[in-house]
């Protein structure tokens, strides 16, 4: 879409920049300031097209077509992090109880499993909500309002 514009600018005999981003500030003539400013604007726009536009298009493409896969990856990372932390905590509790001479398989394992399941569900739900909010923020072009961010962070 913008490739035509770029090709036209490179082939334009009246364009002193020939597609480069360099703007010559030392021009003469009646409209030199106007021509310099025009070249600056065109160079900025070309820089945007070269550097930022492809990244924006990639983000939009990821958020519209590949979102489910990215969301599942994030949910998997959250579940894995909670499971690892509970495994560490379970090992610490078992060693602590063994240090007091108590049987580690007593009634506490059931409570521990229920607690771990609840934490995994909460982590999955939070990851799902956060990835959906990130998707909306990226597609809408903003990061939400200050009020939205403060509510998500638990402030104010």
C-alpha atoms as a PDB file:
ATOM      1  CA  UNK A   1       0.000   0.000   0.000  1.00  0.00           C
ATOM      2  CA  UNK A   2       2.704   2.504   0.948  1.00  0.00           C
ATOM      3  CA  UNK A   3       5.307   0.921  -1.296  1.00  0.00           C
ATOM      4  CA  UNK A   4       3.923   2.903  -4.236  1.00  0.00           C
ATOM      5  CA  UNK A   5       4.409   6.141  -2.372  1.00  0.00           C
ATOM      6  CA  UNK A   6       7.983   5.194  -1.554  1.00  0.00           C
ATOM      7  CA  UNK A   7       8.750   4.220  -5.167  1.00  0.00           C
ATOM      8  CA  UNK A   8       7.214   7.442  -6.467  1.00  0.00           C
ATOM      9  CA  UNK A   9       9.369   9.492  -4.111  1.00  0.00           C
ATOM     10  CA  UNK A  10      12.548   7.730  -5.204  1.00  0.00           C
ATOM     11  CA  UNK A  11      11.769   8.306  -8.906  1.00  0.00           C
ATOM     12  CA  UNK A  12      10.585  11.906  -8.487  1.00  0.00           C
ATOM     13  CA  UNK A  13      13.032  14.297 -10.214  1.00  0.00           C
ATOM     14  CA  UNK A  14      11.796  17.164  -8.031  1.00  0.00           C
ATOM     15  CA  UNK A  15      12.604  15.357  -4.786  1.00  0.00           C
ATOM     16  CA  UNK A  16      16.110  16.425  -3.729  1.00  0.00           C
ATOM     17  CA  UNK A  17      16.244  13.656  -1.083  1.00  0.00           C
ATOM     18  CA  UNK A  18      15.753  10.745  -3.515  1.00  0.00           C
ATOM     19  CA  UNK A  19      14.088   8.651  -0.832  1.00  0.00           C
ATOM     20  CA  UNK A  20      16.720   9.205   1.856  1.00  0.00           C
ATOM     21  CA  UNK A  21      15.839  10.633   5.234  1.00  0.00           C
ATOM     22  CA  UNK A  22      18.447  13.395   4.962  1.00  0.00           C
ATOM     23  CA  UNK A  23      17.023  16.896   4.545  1.00  0.00           C
ATOM     24  CA  UNK A  24      19.271  19.629   3.229  1.00  0.00           C
ATOM     25  CA  UNK A  25      18.756  22.731   5.395  1.00  0.00           C
ATOM     26  CA  UNK A  26      20.898  24.957   3.119  1.00  0.00           C
ATOM     27  CA  UNK A  27      18.581  25.743   0.217  1.00  0.00           C
ATOM     28  CA  UNK A  28      18.167  28.954  -1.704  1.00  0.00           C
ATOM     29  CA  UNK A  29      15.165  30.412  -3.353  1.00  0.00           C
ATOM     30  CA  UNK A  30      11.861  31.985  -2.512  1.00  0.00           C
ATOM     31  CA  UNK A  31      10.277  28.831  -1.114  1.00  0.00           C
ATOM     32  CA  UNK A  32      13.328  27.246   0.479  1.00  0.00           C
ATOM     33  CA  UNK A  33      11.914  27.222   4.021  1.00  0.00           C
ATOM     34  CA  UNK A  34       8.631  25.786   2.803  1.00  0.00           C
ATOM     35  CA  UNK A  35      10.421  23.127   0.740  1.00  0.00           C
ATOM     36  CA  UNK A  36      12.688  22.232   3.676  1.00  0.00           C
ATOM     37  CA  UNK A  37       9.707  21.871   6.003  1.00  0.00           C
ATOM     38  CA  UNK A  38       7.921  19.743   3.408  1.00  0.00           C
ATOM     39  CA  UNK A  39      10.974  17.508   3.103  1.00  0.00           C
ATOM     40  CA  UNK A  40      11.139  17.216   6.896  1.00  0.00           C
ATOM     41  CA  UNK A  41       7.500  16.112   7.073  1.00  0.00           C
ATOM     42  CA  UNK A  42       7.951  13.649   4.238  1.00  0.00           C
ATOM     43  CA  UNK A  43      11.120  12.254   5.816  1.00  0.00           C
ATOM     44  CA  UNK A  44       9.355  11.828   9.153  1.00  0.00           C
ATOM     45  CA  UNK A  45       6.471  10.052   7.471  1.00  0.00           C
ATOM     46  CA  UNK A  46       8.837   7.794   5.521  1.00  0.00           C
ATOM     47  CA  UNK A  47      10.706   7.009   8.746  1.00  0.00           C
ATOM     48  CA  UNK A  48       7.389   6.090  10.376  1.00  0.00           C
ATOM     49  CA  UNK A  49       6.513   3.838   7.432  1.00  0.00           C
ATOM     50  CA  UNK A  50       9.921   2.163   7.520  1.00  0.00           C
ATOM     51  CA  UNK A  51      10.288   1.640  11.266  1.00  0.00           C
ATOM     52  CA  UNK A  52       6.971   1.770  13.125  1.00  0.00           C
ATOM     53  CA  UNK A  53       4.262   0.828  10.637  1.00  0.00           C
ATOM     54  CA  UNK A  54       5.489  -2.790  10.166  1.00  0.00           C
ATOM     55  CA  UNK A  55       5.646  -3.284  13.936  1.00  0.00           C
ATOM     56  CA  UNK A  56       2.141  -1.888  14.382  1.00  0.00           C
ATOM     57  CA  UNK A  57       0.821  -4.125  11.614  1.00  0.00           C
ATOM     58  CA  UNK A  58       2.487  -7.144  13.216  1.00  0.00           C
ATOM     59  CA  UNK A  59       0.933  -6.348  16.606  1.00  0.00           C
ATOM     60  CA  UNK A  60      -2.495  -5.889  15.080  1.00  0.00           C
ATOM     61  CA  UNK A  61      -2.132  -9.151  13.160  1.00  0.00           C
ATOM     62  CA  UNK A  62      -1.089 -11.003  16.317  1.00  0.00           C
ATOM     63  CA  UNK A  63      -3.962  -9.555  18.315  1.00  0.00           C
ATOM     64  CA  UNK A  64      -6.594 -10.337  15.683  1.00  0.00           C
ATOM     65  CA  UNK A  65      -5.588 -13.707  14.224  1.00  0.00           C
ATOM     66  CA  UNK A  66      -3.133 -15.378  16.596  1.00  0.00           C
ATOM     67  CA  UNK A  67      -4.572 -14.134  19.863  1.00  0.00           C
ATOM     68  CA  UNK A  68      -5.895 -17.465  21.128  1.00  0.00           C
ATOM     69  CA  UNK A  69      -2.475 -19.102  20.886  1.00  0.00           C
ATOM     70  CA  UNK A  70      -0.782 -16.205  22.679  1.00  0.00           C
ATOM     71  CA  UNK A  71      -3.441 -16.231  25.371  1.00  0.00           C
ATOM     72  CA  UNK A  72      -3.016 -19.968  25.929  1.00  0.00           C
ATOM     73  CA  UNK A  73       0.755 -19.513  26.238  1.00  0.00           C
ATOM     74  CA  UNK A  74       0.251 -16.841  28.886  1.00  0.00           C
ATOM     75  CA  UNK A  75      -2.257 -18.973  30.780  1.00  0.00           C
ATOM     76  CA  UNK A  76       0.172 -21.912  30.633  1.00  0.00           C
ATOM     77  CA  UNK A  77       2.976 -19.749  32.053  1.00  0.00           C
ATOM     78  CA  UNK A  78       0.738 -18.595  34.905  1.00  0.00           C
ATOM     79  CA  UNK A  79      -0.317 -22.166  35.708  1.00  0.00           C
ATOM     80  CA  UNK A  80       3.282 -23.367  35.587  1.00  0.00           C
ATOM     81  CA  UNK A  81       4.468 -20.584  37.893  1.00  0.00           C
ATOM     82  CA  UNK A  82       1.783 -21.370  40.494  1.00  0.00           C
ATOM     83  CA  UNK A  83       2.442 -25.115  40.295  1.00  0.00           C
ATOM     84  CA  UNK A  84       6.191 -24.619  40.760  1.00  0.00           C
ATOM     85  CA  UNK A  85       5.668 -22.330  43.737  1.00  0.00           C
ATOM     86  CA  UNK A  86       3.287 -24.795  45.358  1.00  0.00           C
ATOM     87  CA  UNK A  87       5.734 -27.657  44.755  1.00  0.00           C
ATOM     88  CA  UNK A  88       8.440 -25.662  46.549  1.00  0.00           C
ATOM     89  CA  UNK A  89       6.047 -24.805  49.367  1.00  0.00           C
ATOM     90  CA  UNK A  90       4.874 -28.428  49.663  1.00  0.00           C
ATOM     91  CA  UNK A  91       8.489 -29.603  49.966  1.00  0.00           C
ATOM     92  CA  UNK A  92       9.220 -27.007  52.644  1.00  0.00           C
ATOM     93  CA  UNK A  93       6.121 -27.976  54.596  1.00  0.00           C
ATOM     94  CA  UNK A  94       6.993 -31.687  54.365  1.00  0.00           C
ATOM     95  CA  UNK A  95      10.536 -31.052  55.628  1.00  0.00           C
ATOM     96  CA  UNK A  96       9.274 -28.815  58.422  1.00  0.00           C
ATOM     97  CA  UNK A  97       6.725 -31.413  59.574  1.00  0.00           C
ATOM     98  CA  UNK A  98       9.343 -34.177  59.348  1.00  0.00           C
ATOM     99  CA  UNK A  99      11.636 -32.042  61.524  1.00  0.00           C
ATOM    100  CA  UNK A 100       8.981 -32.113  64.247  1.00  0.00           C
ATOM    101  CA  UNK A 101       8.464 -35.843  63.788  1.00  0.00           C
ATOM    102  CA  UNK A 102       4.966 -35.470  62.310  1.00  0.00           C
ATOM    103  CA  UNK A 103       3.562 -37.604  59.520  1.00  0.00           C
ATOM    104  CA  UNK A 104       3.576 -35.494  56.322  1.00  0.00           C
ATOM    105  CA  UNK A 105       0.606 -37.328  54.817  1.00  0.00           C
ATOM    106  CA  UNK A 106      -1.852 -36.297  57.489  1.00  0.00           C
ATOM    107  CA  UNK A 107      -4.914 -34.227  56.743  1.00  0.00           C
ATOM    108  CA  UNK A 108      -2.896 -31.225  55.484  1.00  0.00           C
ATOM    109  CA  UNK A 109      -2.306 -32.623  51.960  1.00  0.00           C
ATOM    110  CA  UNK A 110      -6.006 -32.351  51.092  1.00  0.00           C
ATOM    111  CA  UNK A 111      -6.123 -28.728  52.228  1.00  0.00           C
ATOM    112  CA  UNK A 112      -2.912 -28.033  50.365  1.00  0.00           C
ATOM    113  CA  UNK A 113      -4.279 -29.552  47.142  1.00  0.00           C
ATOM    114  CA  UNK A 114      -7.494 -27.510  47.392  1.00  0.00           C
ATOM    115  CA  UNK A 115      -5.484 -24.363  47.986  1.00  0.00           C
ATOM    116  CA  UNK A 116      -3.240 -25.118  44.997  1.00  0.00           C
ATOM    117  CA  UNK A 117      -6.240 -25.761  42.747  1.00  0.00           C
ATOM    118  CA  UNK A 118      -7.837 -22.475  43.797  1.00  0.00           C
ATOM    119  CA  UNK A 119      -4.599 -20.592  43.176  1.00  0.00           C
ATOM    120  CA  UNK A 120      -4.184 -22.151  39.721  1.00  0.00           C
ATOM    121  CA  UNK A 121      -7.752 -21.230  38.764  1.00  0.00           C
ATOM    122  CA  UNK A 122      -7.237 -17.668  40.006  1.00  0.00           C
ATOM    123  CA  UNK A 123      -3.943 -17.361  38.100  1.00  0.00           C
ATOM    124  CA  UNK A 124      -5.549 -18.666  34.900  1.00  0.00           C
ATOM    125  CA  UNK A 125      -8.466 -16.268  35.211  1.00  0.00           C
ATOM    126  CA  UNK A 126      -6.203 -13.302  35.894  1.00  0.00           C
ATOM    127  CA  UNK A 127      -3.934 -14.211  32.955  1.00  0.00           C
ATOM    128  CA  UNK A 128      -6.969 -14.532  30.677  1.00  0.00           C
ATOM    129  CA  UNK A 129      -8.386 -11.181  31.801  1.00  0.00           C
ATOM    130  CA  UNK A 130      -5.017  -9.439  31.515  1.00  0.00           C
ATOM    131  CA  UNK A 131      -4.297 -10.801  28.030  1.00  0.00           C
ATOM    132  CA  UNK A 132      -7.759  -9.742  26.874  1.00  0.00           C
ATOM    133  CA  UNK A 133      -7.218  -6.255  28.296  1.00  0.00           C
ATOM    134  CA  UNK A 134      -3.790  -6.062  26.621  1.00  0.00           C
ATOM    135  CA  UNK A 135      -5.374  -7.096  23.321  1.00  0.00           C
ATOM    136  CA  UNK A 136      -8.029  -4.385  23.607  1.00  0.00           C
ATOM    137  CA  UNK A 137      -5.381  -1.804  24.514  1.00  0.00           C
ATOM    138  CA  UNK A 138      -3.206  -2.714  21.529  1.00  0.00           C
ATOM    139  CA  UNK A 139      -6.069  -2.771  19.046  1.00  0.00           C
ATOM    140  CA  UNK A 140      -7.502   0.526  20.297  1.00  0.00           C
ATOM    141  CA  UNK A 141      -4.088   2.165  20.058  1.00  0.00           C
ATOM    142  CA  UNK A 142      -3.846   3.188  23.678  1.00  0.00           C
ATOM    143  CA  UNK A 143      -3.051   1.884  27.080  1.00  0.00           C
ATOM    144  CA  UNK A 144      -6.415   2.704  28.589  1.00  0.00           C
ATOM    145  CA  UNK A 145      -7.254   5.566  30.832  1.00  0.00           C
ATOM    146  CA  UNK A 146      -5.558   6.376  34.101  1.00  0.00           C
ATOM    147  CA  UNK A 147      -8.662   5.189  35.927  1.00  0.00           C
ATOM    148  CA  UNK A 148      -8.540   1.806  34.174  1.00  0.00           C
ATOM    149  CA  UNK A 149      -4.875   1.293  35.045  1.00  0.00           C
ATOM    150  CA  UNK A 150      -5.415   2.320  38.656  1.00  0.00           C
ATOM    151  CA  UNK A 151      -8.313  -0.128  39.021  1.00  0.00           C
ATOM    152  CA  UNK A 152      -6.210  -2.959  37.560  1.00  0.00           C
ATOM    153  CA  UNK A 153      -3.338  -2.145  39.878  1.00  0.00           C
ATOM    154  CA  UNK A 154      -5.605  -1.775  42.900  1.00  0.00           C
ATOM    155  CA  UNK A 155      -4.932   1.930  43.367  1.00  0.00           C
ATOM    156  CA  UNK A 156      -7.623   4.537  43.940  1.00  0.00           C
END
